[in-house]
Amino acid sequence: MKEQAKVLSEVNEVTRSMVKHYLQKHELSLNAFSKLVEVRQPNLHKFLNGSNLSSRSIEKLGEFFSK
């Protein structure tokens, strides 16, 4: 079980890094990005500051970044 928790933690860290990089590269506000990925802005704000996202929100980000 600890191995699964570690994997999920790594997924969150990698995803957080991807979001931050995308925001900087494209000079987008968090609100504009939240509309692109269809994830609520307050949830993204919390996520970027250390909280976790739901698995569905992570899926939405994954779908966005895989395009």
N, C-alpha and C. Protein backbone atom coordinates (compact mmCIF):
# COMPACT_ATOMS: atom_id res chain seq x y z
N MET A 1 0.82 -1.20 0.00
CA MET A 1 0.00 0.00 0.00
C MET A 1 0.86 1.26 0.00
N LYS A 2 2.00 1.22 0.70
CA LYS A 2 2.87 2.39 0.74
C LYS A 2 3.43 2.70 -0.64
N GLU A 3 3.65 1.67 -1.44
CA GLU A 3 4.17 1.86 -2.79
C GLU A 3 3.15 2.63 -3.65
N GLN A 4 1.89 2.29 -3.51
CA GLN A 4 0.84 2.99 -4.26
C GLN A 4 0.74 4.44 -3.85
N ALA A 5 0.86 4.71 -2.56
CA ALA A 5 0.81 6.09 -2.07
C ALA A 5 1.98 6.88 -2.62
N LYS A 6 3.14 6.25 -2.71
CA LYS A 6 4.31 6.93 -3.25
C LYS A 6 4.12 7.27 -4.72
N VAL A 7 3.55 6.35 -5.48
CA VAL A 7 3.30 6.58 -6.90
C VAL A 7 2.32 7.74 -7.07
N LEU A 8 1.26 7.75 -6.29
CA LEU A 8 0.28 8.84 -6.38
C LEU A 8 0.90 10.18 -6.00
N SER A 9 1.75 10.18 -5.02
CA SER A 9 2.43 11.40 -4.61
C SER A 9 3.32 11.92 -5.74
N GLU A 10 4.01 11.01 -6.41
CA GLU A 10 4.86 11.40 -7.53
C GLU A 10 4.04 11.94 -8.69
N VAL A 11 2.88 11.35 -8.94
CA VAL A 11 2.00 11.83 -10.00
C VAL A 11 1.58 13.27 -9.70
N ASN A 12 1.23 13.54 -8.46
CA ASN A 12 0.83 14.90 -8.10
C ASN A 12 1.98 15.88 -8.31
N GLU A 13 3.18 15.50 -7.90
CA GLU A 13 4.33 16.39 -8.04
C GLU A 13 4.66 16.67 -9.51
N VAL A 14 4.64 15.63 -10.32
CA VAL A 14 4.93 15.79 -11.75
C VAL A 14 3.86 16.66 -12.40
N THR A 15 2.61 16.39 -12.09
CA THR A 15 1.51 17.17 -12.66
C THR A 15 1.59 18.63 -12.22
N ARG A 16 1.88 18.86 -10.96
CA ARG A 16 2.03 20.23 -10.43
C ARG A 16 3.12 20.96 -11.20
N SER A 17 4.23 20.30 -11.44
CA SER A 17 5.34 20.89 -12.18
C SER A 17 4.94 21.21 -13.61
N MET A 18 4.20 20.31 -14.24
CA MET A 18 3.75 20.54 -15.62
C MET A 18 2.83 21.75 -15.70
N VAL A 19 1.92 21.89 -14.74
CA VAL A 19 1.00 23.02 -14.74
C VAL A 19 1.77 24.33 -14.57
N LYS A 20 2.68 24.36 -13.61
CA LYS A 20 3.47 25.58 -13.38
C LYS A 20 4.26 25.96 -14.61
N HIS A 21 4.88 24.98 -15.24
CA HIS A 21 5.67 25.24 -16.44
C HIS A 21 4.78 25.78 -17.57
N TYR A 22 3.61 25.18 -17.75
CA TYR A 22 2.69 25.60 -18.81
C TYR A 22 2.23 27.04 -18.57
N LEU A 23 1.90 27.36 -17.32
CA LEU A 23 1.45 28.71 -17.00
C LEU A 23 2.53 29.74 -17.32
N GLN A 24 3.77 29.43 -16.97
CA GLN A 24 4.87 30.35 -17.23
C GLN A 24 5.16 30.46 -18.72
N LYS A 25 5.22 29.34 -19.40
CA LYS A 25 5.56 29.32 -20.82
C LYS A 25 4.54 30.08 -21.66
N HIS A 26 3.27 29.90 -21.34
CA HIS A 26 2.21 30.50 -22.15
C HIS A 26 1.67 31.80 -21.54
N GLU A 27 2.25 32.21 -20.44
CA GLU A 27 1.87 33.46 -19.76
C GLU A 27 0.35 33.55 -19.55
N LEU A 28 -0.19 32.48 -19.00
CA LEU A 28 -1.63 32.41 -18.73
C LEU A 28 -1.90 32.65 -17.25
N SER A 29 -3.05 33.24 -17.00
CA SER A 29 -3.51 33.32 -15.61
C SER A 29 -4.05 31.95 -15.21
N LEU A 30 -4.13 31.72 -13.94
CA LEU A 30 -4.68 30.46 -13.46
C LEU A 30 -6.14 30.32 -13.87
N ASN A 31 -6.85 31.43 -13.88
CA ASN A 31 -8.25 31.40 -14.28
C ASN A 31 -8.40 31.00 -15.74
N ALA A 32 -7.58 31.56 -16.62
CA ALA A 32 -7.65 31.20 -18.04
C ALA A 32 -7.30 29.73 -18.24
N PHE A 33 -6.28 29.26 -17.53
CA PHE A 33 -5.88 27.86 -17.65
C PHE A 33 -6.98 26.94 -17.14
N SER A 34 -7.63 27.33 -16.05
CA SER A 34 -8.70 26.48 -15.49
C SER A 34 -9.84 26.31 -16.49
N LYS A 35 -10.10 27.34 -17.28
CA LYS A 35 -11.15 27.22 -18.29
C LYS A 35 -10.72 26.29 -19.41
N LEU A 36 -9.44 26.31 -19.77
CA LEU A 36 -8.93 25.42 -20.82
C LEU A 36 -9.04 23.95 -20.42
N VAL A 37 -8.70 23.66 -19.18
CA VAL A 37 -8.66 22.26 -18.73
C VAL A 37 -9.95 21.81 -18.07
N GLU A 38 -10.87 22.73 -17.87
CA GLU A 38 -12.18 22.44 -17.28
C GLU A 38 -12.05 21.88 -15.85
N VAL A 39 -11.16 22.51 -15.09
CA VAL A 39 -11.00 22.21 -13.66
C VAL A 39 -11.20 23.52 -12.93
N ARG A 40 -11.95 23.51 -11.86
CA ARG A 40 -12.25 24.75 -11.15
C ARG A 40 -10.99 25.45 -10.67
N GLN A 41 -10.96 26.77 -10.83
CA GLN A 41 -9.79 27.56 -10.48
C GLN A 41 -9.40 27.44 -9.02
N PRO A 42 -10.35 27.46 -8.07
CA PRO A 42 -9.94 27.30 -6.67
C PRO A 42 -9.26 25.96 -6.40
N ASN A 43 -9.69 24.91 -7.09
CA ASN A 43 -9.07 23.61 -6.93
C ASN A 43 -7.64 23.62 -7.46
N LEU A 44 -7.43 24.27 -8.60
CA LEU A 44 -6.08 24.38 -9.15
C LEU A 44 -5.18 25.21 -8.24
N HIS A 45 -5.74 26.27 -7.68
CA HIS A 45 -4.96 27.12 -6.77
C HIS A 45 -4.48 26.31 -5.56
N LYS A 46 -5.39 25.56 -4.97
CA LYS A 46 -5.02 24.71 -3.84
C LYS A 46 -3.99 23.67 -4.25
N PHE A 47 -4.17 23.10 -5.43
CA PHE A 47 -3.26 22.09 -5.94
C PHE A 47 -1.85 22.65 -6.10
N LEU A 48 -1.74 23.83 -6.68
CA LEU A 48 -0.43 24.44 -6.89
C LEU A 48 0.24 24.81 -5.58
N ASN A 49 -0.54 24.93 -4.53
CA ASN A 49 0.01 25.26 -3.22
C ASN A 49 0.10 24.05 -2.29
N GLY A 50 0.09 22.85 -2.86
CA GLY A 50 0.38 21.67 -2.07
C GLY A 50 -0.72 20.67 -1.83
N SER A 51 -1.97 21.03 -2.07
CA SER A 51 -3.06 20.06 -1.89
C SER A 51 -3.09 19.09 -3.06
N ASN A 52 -3.89 18.07 -2.94
CA ASN A 52 -4.05 17.11 -4.02
C ASN A 52 -5.33 17.39 -4.78
N LEU A 53 -5.37 16.91 -6.01
CA LEU A 53 -6.58 17.02 -6.84
C LEU A 53 -7.28 15.67 -6.86
N SER A 54 -8.54 15.69 -7.20
CA SER A 54 -9.27 14.44 -7.38
C SER A 54 -8.69 13.71 -8.58
N SER A 55 -8.92 12.43 -8.64
CA SER A 55 -8.39 11.63 -9.76
C SER A 55 -9.00 12.10 -11.07
N ARG A 56 -10.26 12.53 -11.05
CA ARG A 56 -10.89 13.01 -12.29
C ARG A 56 -10.22 14.29 -12.77
N SER A 57 -9.86 15.18 -11.86
CA SER A 57 -9.18 16.41 -12.26
C SER A 57 -7.79 16.10 -12.81
N ILE A 58 -7.10 15.15 -12.21
CA ILE A 58 -5.79 14.72 -12.73
C ILE A 58 -5.96 14.14 -14.13
N GLU A 59 -7.04 13.38 -14.34
CA GLU A 59 -7.32 12.83 -15.66
C GLU A 59 -7.53 13.94 -16.69
N LYS A 60 -8.28 14.98 -16.29
CA LYS A 60 -8.52 16.09 -17.21
C LYS A 60 -7.22 16.79 -17.58
N LEU A 61 -6.34 16.97 -16.60
CA LEU A 61 -5.05 17.58 -16.89
C LEU A 61 -4.22 16.68 -17.80
N GLY A 62 -4.27 15.39 -17.55
CA GLY A 62 -3.55 14.44 -18.40
C GLY A 62 -4.04 14.47 -19.84
N GLU A 63 -5.36 14.55 -20.00
CA GLU A 63 -5.94 14.64 -21.34
C GLU A 63 -5.49 15.93 -22.03
N PHE A 64 -5.47 17.02 -21.29
CA PHE A 64 -5.06 18.30 -21.86
C PHE A 64 -3.59 18.25 -22.30
N PHE A 65 -2.72 17.75 -21.45
CA PHE A 65 -1.29 17.74 -21.76
C PHE A 65 -0.93 16.70 -22.83
N SER A 66 -1.79 15.72 -23.04
CA SER A 66 -1.47 14.70 -24.06
C SER A 66 -1.89 15.13 -25.46
N LYS A 67 -2.57 16.27 -25.57
CA LYS A 67 -3.00 16.75 -26.90
C LYS A 67 -1.82 17.27 -27.68
